[in-house]
Amino acid sequence: MPTLCRRSLIATAALLAFATGASAQTAAVGQPAPAFTLQDTAGKTVRLSDFKGKYVVLEWTNPGCPFVRKHYDSGNMPATQKAAREQGWVWLAINSTEKASGDYLAPPQLAAWLGERKAQPTAVLMDEDGSAGHAYGARTTPHMYIVNPQGVLVYAGGIDSIPSARVADIEKATNYVKAALADVAGGKPIAAATTQAYGCTIKYKPS
């Protein structure tokens, strides 16, 4: 698919400049996480409330985005998903790309793309109308959120600390989700509860 091959430095720089920042988030850390009901790629209804009593990671994703591809093609996102699930956490990957976008993948194609990269989310959810994304104020792909067992949002921001599409930067960056896993495992509050999200702007359906 041509839209999955846009890797020019100019395009990457433009996307980064346009889509960095977490200031426009709607959902607030320390407040109840917005409820949602979505369909997964197999057509099953999934609700956030289904996972009450567990930590839940929400990952906004779009395979057409160079920043998303960086973290999947390198194995970084699947490894982070695996670490979270091994600790008993739930991981929900959410795609809010509208159907008219060139980046849109139908559920079977999205599931196949993730499967080819050995992704390990608990479920992959379709949010074509953007309702869940707007409720959280998700701006970029990737954009990460963590909900605690009491249903409170305890993290919002980026996957890591270096906002680039370069795979070489992954090993130098702080992975904020893995850091949160370590904090929780150690009985501590998440130290970096709000960070800068970076990536491609989400292709929402026009309102």
Protein backbone atom coordinates (compact mmCIF):
# COMPACT_ATOMS: atom_id res chain seq x y z
CA MET A 1 0.00 0.00 0.00
CA PRO A 2 1.58 3.34 -1.04
CA THR A 3 0.46 5.14 2.11
CA LEU A 4 2.58 2.78 4.19
CA CYS A 5 5.75 3.84 2.41
CA ARG A 6 5.89 7.57 3.12
CA ARG A 7 9.23 7.81 4.83
CA SER A 8 10.79 10.96 3.45
CA LEU A 9 12.54 13.18 5.94
CA ILE A 10 10.40 16.12 4.90
CA ALA A 11 7.16 14.28 5.59
CA THR A 12 8.46 12.96 8.89
CA ALA A 13 9.57 16.40 10.04
CA ALA A 14 6.24 17.91 9.08
CA LEU A 15 4.27 15.26 10.92
CA LEU A 16 6.41 15.65 14.02
CA ALA A 17 6.11 19.42 14.05
CA PHE A 18 2.34 19.26 13.61
CA ALA A 19 1.53 16.44 16.01
CA THR A 20 3.82 16.77 19.02
CA GLY A 21 2.51 17.90 22.35
CA ALA A 22 0.05 16.76 24.98
CA SER A 23 -1.52 20.06 25.90
CA ALA A 24 -4.77 19.39 24.02
CA GLN A 25 -5.65 16.22 25.88
CA THR A 26 -9.24 16.00 27.08
CA ALA A 27 -8.96 13.19 29.63
CA ALA A 28 -7.04 14.32 32.71
CA VAL A 29 -4.59 12.27 34.74
CA GLY A 30 -6.02 11.69 38.20
CA GLN A 31 -9.60 11.72 36.93
CA PRO A 32 -11.89 8.81 35.93
CA ALA A 33 -10.98 7.45 32.51
CA PRO A 34 -13.71 8.02 29.89
CA ALA A 35 -15.81 4.91 29.30
CA PHE A 36 -16.06 3.47 25.80
CA THR A 37 -17.63 0.58 23.91
CA LEU A 38 -15.97 -0.47 20.65
CA GLN A 39 -15.80 -3.42 18.29
CA ASP A 40 -12.59 -5.38 17.95
CA THR A 41 -11.22 -6.55 14.60
CA ALA A 42 -13.23 -9.77 14.93
CA GLY A 43 -16.49 -7.88 15.53
CA LYS A 44 -16.65 -8.55 19.27
CA THR A 45 -17.93 -5.79 21.56
CA VAL A 46 -15.29 -4.61 24.03
CA ARG A 47 -15.90 -2.16 26.87
CA LEU A 48 -13.32 -0.48 29.05
CA SER A 49 -15.46 -1.54 32.02
CA ASP A 50 -14.82 -5.20 31.07
CA PHE A 51 -11.38 -4.80 32.61
CA LYS A 52 -12.24 -3.14 35.90
CA GLY A 53 -9.78 -4.28 38.56
CA LYS A 54 -6.83 -4.40 36.14
CA TYR A 55 -4.35 -1.95 34.74
CA VAL A 56 -5.21 -1.13 31.13
CA VAL A 57 -2.88 0.38 28.53
CA LEU A 58 -4.56 2.24 25.67
CA GLU A 59 -2.45 2.65 22.54
CA TRP A 60 -3.67 4.77 19.63
CA THR A 61 -2.22 3.31 16.45
CA ASN A 62 -2.17 3.70 12.65
CA PRO A 63 0.04 1.47 10.46
CA GLY A 64 0.30 4.26 7.89
CA CYS A 65 2.30 6.40 10.32
CA PRO A 66 6.14 6.28 10.20
CA PHE A 67 6.31 6.71 13.97
CA VAL A 68 4.05 3.71 14.54
CA ARG A 69 6.06 1.67 12.04
CA LYS A 70 9.26 2.60 13.87
CA HIS A 71 8.01 1.01 17.07
CA TYR A 72 6.43 -2.05 15.42
CA ASP A 73 9.00 -2.88 12.74
CA SER A 74 11.77 -2.68 15.36
CA GLY A 75 9.85 -4.94 17.73
CA ASN A 76 9.72 -2.26 20.42
CA MET A 77 5.94 -1.99 20.69
CA PRO A 78 5.34 -5.78 20.65
CA ALA A 79 8.00 -6.20 23.35
CA THR A 80 6.35 -3.52 25.47
CA GLN A 81 2.96 -5.17 24.98
CA LYS A 82 4.42 -8.51 26.05
CA ALA A 83 5.99 -6.99 29.17
CA ALA A 84 2.68 -5.40 30.17
CA ARG A 85 0.66 -8.56 29.64
CA GLU A 86 3.21 -10.67 31.54
CA GLN A 87 2.62 -8.33 34.48
CA GLY A 88 -1.13 -9.00 34.23
CA TRP A 89 -2.04 -5.77 32.47
CA VAL A 90 -4.54 -5.43 29.63
CA TRP A 91 -3.43 -3.77 26.38
CA LEU A 92 -5.98 -2.28 23.99
CA ALA A 93 -4.73 -0.98 20.63
CA ILE A 94 -7.20 1.54 19.19
CA ASN A 95 -7.39 2.80 15.61
CA SER A 96 -9.38 6.02 15.18
CA THR A 97 -8.51 6.49 11.49
CA GLU A 98 -11.62 7.40 9.51
CA LYS A 99 -12.69 5.16 6.65
CA ALA A 100 -12.14 7.85 4.01
CA SER A 101 -8.46 8.24 4.91
CA GLY A 102 -5.79 6.71 2.72
CA ASP A 103 -4.29 5.26 5.91
CA TYR A 104 -7.45 3.34 6.82
CA LEU A 105 -7.17 -0.43 7.06
CA ALA A 106 -10.27 -2.60 7.34
CA PRO A 107 -10.35 -4.80 10.46
CA PRO A 108 -8.95 -7.95 8.77
CA GLN A 109 -6.09 -6.00 7.19
CA LEU A 110 -5.29 -4.20 10.44
CA ALA A 111 -5.25 -7.48 12.35
CA ALA A 112 -3.02 -9.03 9.68
CA TRP A 113 -0.57 -6.11 9.76
CA LEU A 114 -0.22 -6.38 13.53
CA GLY A 115 0.01 -10.15 13.39
CA GLU A 116 2.87 -9.98 10.90
CA ARG A 117 4.78 -7.92 13.46
CA LYS A 118 4.00 -10.31 16.31
CA ALA A 119 1.98 -7.69 18.17
CA GLN A 120 0.57 -8.86 21.49
CA PRO A 121 -2.32 -6.56 22.47
CA THR A 122 -5.25 -8.01 24.37
CA ALA A 123 -7.53 -6.62 21.66
CA VAL A 124 -7.40 -4.33 18.63
CA LEU A 125 -10.34 -1.93 18.58
CA MET A 126 -11.94 0.03 15.75
CA ASP A 127 -12.94 3.64 16.51
CA GLU A 128 -13.83 4.84 13.02
CA ASP A 129 -16.16 7.56 14.28
CA GLY A 130 -13.44 8.86 16.60
CA SER A 131 -15.64 8.88 19.70
CA ALA A 132 -13.13 7.19 21.99
CA GLY A 133 -10.20 9.13 20.61
CA HIS A 134 -11.94 12.46 21.11
CA ALA A 135 -13.02 11.48 24.64
CA TYR A 136 -9.38 10.96 25.59
CA GLY A 137 -8.06 13.84 23.55
CA ALA A 138 -5.79 11.48 21.62
CA ARG A 139 -3.85 13.56 19.10
CA THR A 140 -1.13 11.34 17.70
CA THR A 141 -0.19 7.84 16.73
CA PRO A 142 1.15 6.49 18.92
CA HIS A 143 -0.54 8.13 21.91
CA MET A 144 -0.49 6.18 25.16
CA TYR A 145 -2.74 6.13 28.22
CA ILE A 146 -2.81 3.95 31.33
CA VAL A 147 -5.92 3.34 33.43
CA ASN A 148 -5.52 1.89 36.93
CA PRO A 149 -7.66 -0.89 38.49
CA GLN A 150 -9.99 1.73 39.99
CA GLY A 151 -10.70 3.20 36.56
CA VAL A 152 -8.59 6.33 37.05
CA LEU A 153 -6.31 7.66 34.34
CA VAL A 154 -2.75 7.50 35.71
CA TYR A 155 -0.65 8.12 32.59
CA ALA A 156 -1.04 10.10 29.38
CA GLY A 157 1.62 10.84 26.80
CA GLY A 158 4.24 9.28 24.57
CA ILE A 159 5.61 5.79 24.26
CA ASP A 160 9.10 7.11 24.95
CA SER A 161 11.24 10.18 25.48
CA ILE A 162 12.78 10.79 22.04
CA PRO A 163 10.30 12.20 19.49
CA SER A 164 11.66 10.84 16.24
CA ALA A 165 10.91 8.23 13.60
CA ARG A 166 14.46 6.82 13.79
CA VAL A 167 14.75 3.25 15.02
CA ALA A 168 18.26 4.00 16.32
CA ASP A 169 16.77 6.32 18.94
CA ILE A 170 14.77 3.58 20.66
CA GLU A 171 17.64 2.17 22.71
CA LYS A 172 18.60 5.67 23.88
CA ALA A 173 15.07 6.63 24.91
CA THR A 174 13.19 6.10 28.16
CA ASN A 175 10.23 3.82 27.47
CA TYR A 176 7.54 5.46 29.59
CA VAL A 177 5.21 2.45 29.59
CA LYS A 178 7.96 0.11 30.78
CA ALA A 179 8.90 2.70 33.40
CA ALA A 180 5.29 2.72 34.58
CA LEU A 181 5.31 -1.09 34.76
CA ALA A 182 8.40 -0.93 36.97
CA ASP A 183 6.90 1.76 39.21
CA VAL A 184 3.71 -0.22 39.76
CA ALA A 185 5.62 -3.48 40.32
CA GLY A 186 7.64 -1.66 42.98
CA GLY A 187 4.52 -0.40 44.72
CA LYS A 188 5.17 3.19 43.68
CA PRO A 189 3.00 5.74 41.89
CA ILE A 190 3.91 6.31 38.25
CA ALA A 191 6.67 8.91 38.39
CA ALA A 192 6.21 10.37 34.92
CA ALA A 193 2.42 10.56 34.77
CA THR A 194 2.19 13.09 31.93
CA THR A 195 4.68 13.28 29.07
CA GLN A 196 4.86 14.62 25.53
CA ALA A 197 3.09 12.51 22.94
CA TYR A 198 4.59 12.52 19.47
CA GLY A 199 3.79 11.02 16.10
CA CYS A 200 1.39 11.51 13.21
CA THR A 201 -1.80 13.44 13.69
CA ILE A 202 -4.81 11.12 13.97
CA LYS A 203 -6.94 11.09 10.81
CA TYR A 204 -10.29 11.66 12.51
CA LYS A 205 -13.62 11.72 10.70
CA PRO A 206 -14.59 15.38 10.16
CA SER A 207 -17.16 16.55 12.68
